[in-house]
C-alpha atoms as a PDB file:
ATOM      1  CA  ALA A   1      86.597  53.556 -46.674  1.00  0.00           C
ATOM      2  CA  LYS A   2      86.658  51.728 -43.326  1.00  0.00           C
ATOM      3  CA  HIS A   3      86.517  55.028 -41.459  1.00  0.00           C
ATOM      4  CA  ALA A   4      83.383  55.957 -43.412  1.00  0.00           C
ATOM      5  CA  VAL A   5      81.763  52.631 -42.527  1.00  0.00           C
ATOM      6  CA  VAL A   6      82.603  53.134 -38.844  1.00  0.00           C
ATOM      7  CA  GLY A   7      81.151  56.660 -38.947  1.00  0.00           C
ATOM      8  CA  LEU A   8      77.967  55.434 -40.614  1.00  0.00           C
ATOM      9  CA  THR A   9      77.675  52.659 -38.031  1.00  0.00           C
ATOM     10  CA  ARG A  10      77.989  55.123 -35.159  1.00  0.00           C
ATOM     11  CA  ALA A  11      75.364  57.393 -36.726  1.00  0.00           C
ATOM     12  CA  LEU A  12      72.970  54.449 -37.151  1.00  0.00           C
ATOM     13  CA  ALA A  13      73.569  53.300 -33.570  1.00  0.00           C
ATOM     14  CA  VAL A  14      72.623  56.751 -32.281  1.00  0.00           C
ATOM     15  CA  GLU A  15      69.658  57.000 -34.652  1.00  0.00           C
ATOM     16  CA  PHE A  16      68.176  53.684 -33.497  1.00  0.00           C
ATOM     17  CA  THR A  17      68.946  53.940 -29.771  1.00  0.00           C
ATOM     18  CA  ARG A  18      65.271  54.292 -28.824  1.00  0.00           C
ATOM     19  CA  GLU A  19      64.350  51.163 -30.798  1.00  0.00           C
ATOM     20  CA  ARG A  20      67.050  49.241 -28.899  1.00  0.00           C
ATOM     21  CA  LEU A  21      68.490  48.118 -32.208  1.00  0.00           C
ATOM     22  CA  ARG A  22      72.089  46.974 -32.015  1.00  0.00           C
ATOM     23  CA  VAL A  23      74.342  48.218 -34.821  1.00  0.00           C
ATOM     24  CA  ASN A  24      77.791  46.691 -35.333  1.00  0.00           C
ATOM     25  CA  VAL A  25      80.565  46.921 -37.857  1.00  0.00           C
ATOM     26  CA  VAL A  26      83.361  44.464 -38.552  1.00  0.00           C
ATOM     27  CA  CYS A  27      86.490  45.917 -40.170  1.00  0.00           C
ATOM     28  CA  PRO A  28      88.998  43.103 -40.525  1.00  0.00           C
ATOM     29  CA  GLY A  29      92.604  43.781 -41.351  1.00  0.00           C
ATOM     30  CA  GLY A  30      94.847  41.503 -43.373  1.00  0.00           C
ATOM     31  CA  MET A  31      93.317  38.139 -44.206  1.00  0.00           C
ATOM     32  CA  LEU A  32      94.793  34.896 -45.466  1.00  0.00           C
ATOM     33  CA  THR A  33      93.186  34.802 -48.896  1.00  0.00           C
ATOM     34  CA  PRO A  34      94.583  33.473 -52.176  1.00  0.00           C
ATOM     35  CA  GLN A  35      95.477  37.046 -53.131  1.00  0.00           C
ATOM     36  CA  VAL A  36      97.916  37.089 -50.203  1.00  0.00           C
ATOM     37  CA  THR A  37      99.074  33.476 -50.044  1.00  0.00           C
ATOM     38  CA  ASP A  38      99.704  33.173 -53.801  1.00  0.00           C
ATOM     39  CA  PHE A  39     101.593  36.487 -53.980  1.00  0.00           C
ATOM     40  CA  THR A  40     105.080  36.468 -55.431  1.00  0.00           C
ATOM     41  CA  ALA A  41     107.243  39.544 -55.063  1.00  0.00           C
ATOM     42  CA  PRO A  42     108.663  41.129 -58.204  1.00  0.00           C
ATOM     43  CA  GLN A  43     112.399  41.072 -58.811  1.00  0.00           C
ATOM     44  CA  ASP A  44     114.311  43.400 -56.491  1.00  0.00           C
ATOM     45  CA  PRO A  45     111.322  44.444 -54.330  1.00  0.00           C
ATOM     46  CA  ASP A  46     111.430  47.338 -51.865  1.00  0.00           C
ATOM     47  CA  TYR A  47     110.913  45.291 -48.677  1.00  0.00           C
ATOM     48  CA  LYS A  48     110.854  48.443 -46.518  1.00  0.00           C
ATOM     49  CA  LEU A  49     107.808  49.638 -48.464  1.00  0.00           C
ATOM     50  CA  ILE A  50     106.190  46.211 -48.396  1.00  0.00           C
ATOM     51  CA  MET A  51     106.582  45.951 -44.615  1.00  0.00           C
ATOM     52  CA  ARG A  52     105.120  49.449 -44.114  1.00  0.00           C
ATOM     53  CA  ILE A  53     101.840  48.318 -45.641  1.00  0.00           C
ATOM     54  CA  ALA A  54     101.896  44.700 -44.394  1.00  0.00           C
ATOM     55  CA  ALA A  55      99.534  43.657 -41.610  1.00  0.00           C
ATOM     56  CA  PRO A  56     101.456  44.550 -38.409  1.00  0.00           C
ATOM     57  CA  ARG A  57      99.412  42.156 -36.255  1.00  0.00           C
ATOM     58  CA  GLY A  58      99.564  39.256 -38.668  1.00  0.00           C
ATOM     59  CA  LEU A  59      96.891  37.816 -40.904  1.00  0.00           C
ATOM     60  CA  MET A  60      93.463  36.435 -40.003  1.00  0.00           C
ATOM     61  CA  GLU A  61      91.643  33.397 -41.268  1.00  0.00           C
ATOM     62  CA  PRO A  62      88.424  34.304 -43.131  1.00  0.00           C
ATOM     63  CA  ARG A  63      86.508  31.746 -41.029  1.00  0.00           C
ATOM     64  CA  ASP A  64      87.454  33.653 -37.844  1.00  0.00           C
ATOM     65  CA  VAL A  65      85.965  36.866 -39.224  1.00  0.00           C
ATOM     66  CA  ALA A  66      82.868  34.929 -40.329  1.00  0.00           C
ATOM     67  CA  ALA A  67      82.526  33.527 -36.787  1.00  0.00           C
ATOM     68  CA  VAL A  68      82.516  37.056 -35.326  1.00  0.00           C
ATOM     69  CA  ILE A  69      79.850  38.158 -37.809  1.00  0.00           C
ATOM     70  CA  ALA A  70      77.728  35.078 -37.032  1.00  0.00           C
ATOM     71  CA  PHE A  71      78.070  35.759 -33.305  1.00  0.00           C
ATOM     72  CA  LEU A  72      77.046  39.404 -33.662  1.00  0.00           C
ATOM     73  CA  SER A  73      74.061  38.534 -35.831  1.00  0.00           C
ATOM     74  CA  THR A  74      72.669  35.986 -33.343  1.00  0.00           C
ATOM     75  CA  PRO A  75      69.965  37.534 -31.139  1.00  0.00           C
ATOM     76  CA  GLY A  76      70.902  37.770 -27.488  1.00  0.00           C
ATOM     77  CA  ASN A  77      74.678  37.691 -27.917  1.00  0.00           C
ATOM     78  CA  GLN A  78      76.647  40.596 -26.523  1.00  0.00           C
ATOM     79  CA  LEU A  79      80.281  41.587 -26.692  1.00  0.00           C
ATOM     80  CA  VAL A  80      81.550  43.609 -23.766  1.00  0.00           C
ATOM     81  CA  ALA A  81      84.501  45.825 -24.626  1.00  0.00           C
END
């Protein structure tokens, strides 16, 4: 689903180039939400499987993702990659 959102974002960015409209997408990875922090593993879990799908770069705070979205939605702000 995230790949589809990125593709749609790129298409919109190209479509609105002449209007100088900035189009961004934010695709956060693992986040520290109650779903994650309140998780308890079942008896005898397959930790190899769990670690394959776990967030390899750690987990983010929801407020950090919100800060990025607020920054991108403020007129005049630019991120240089």
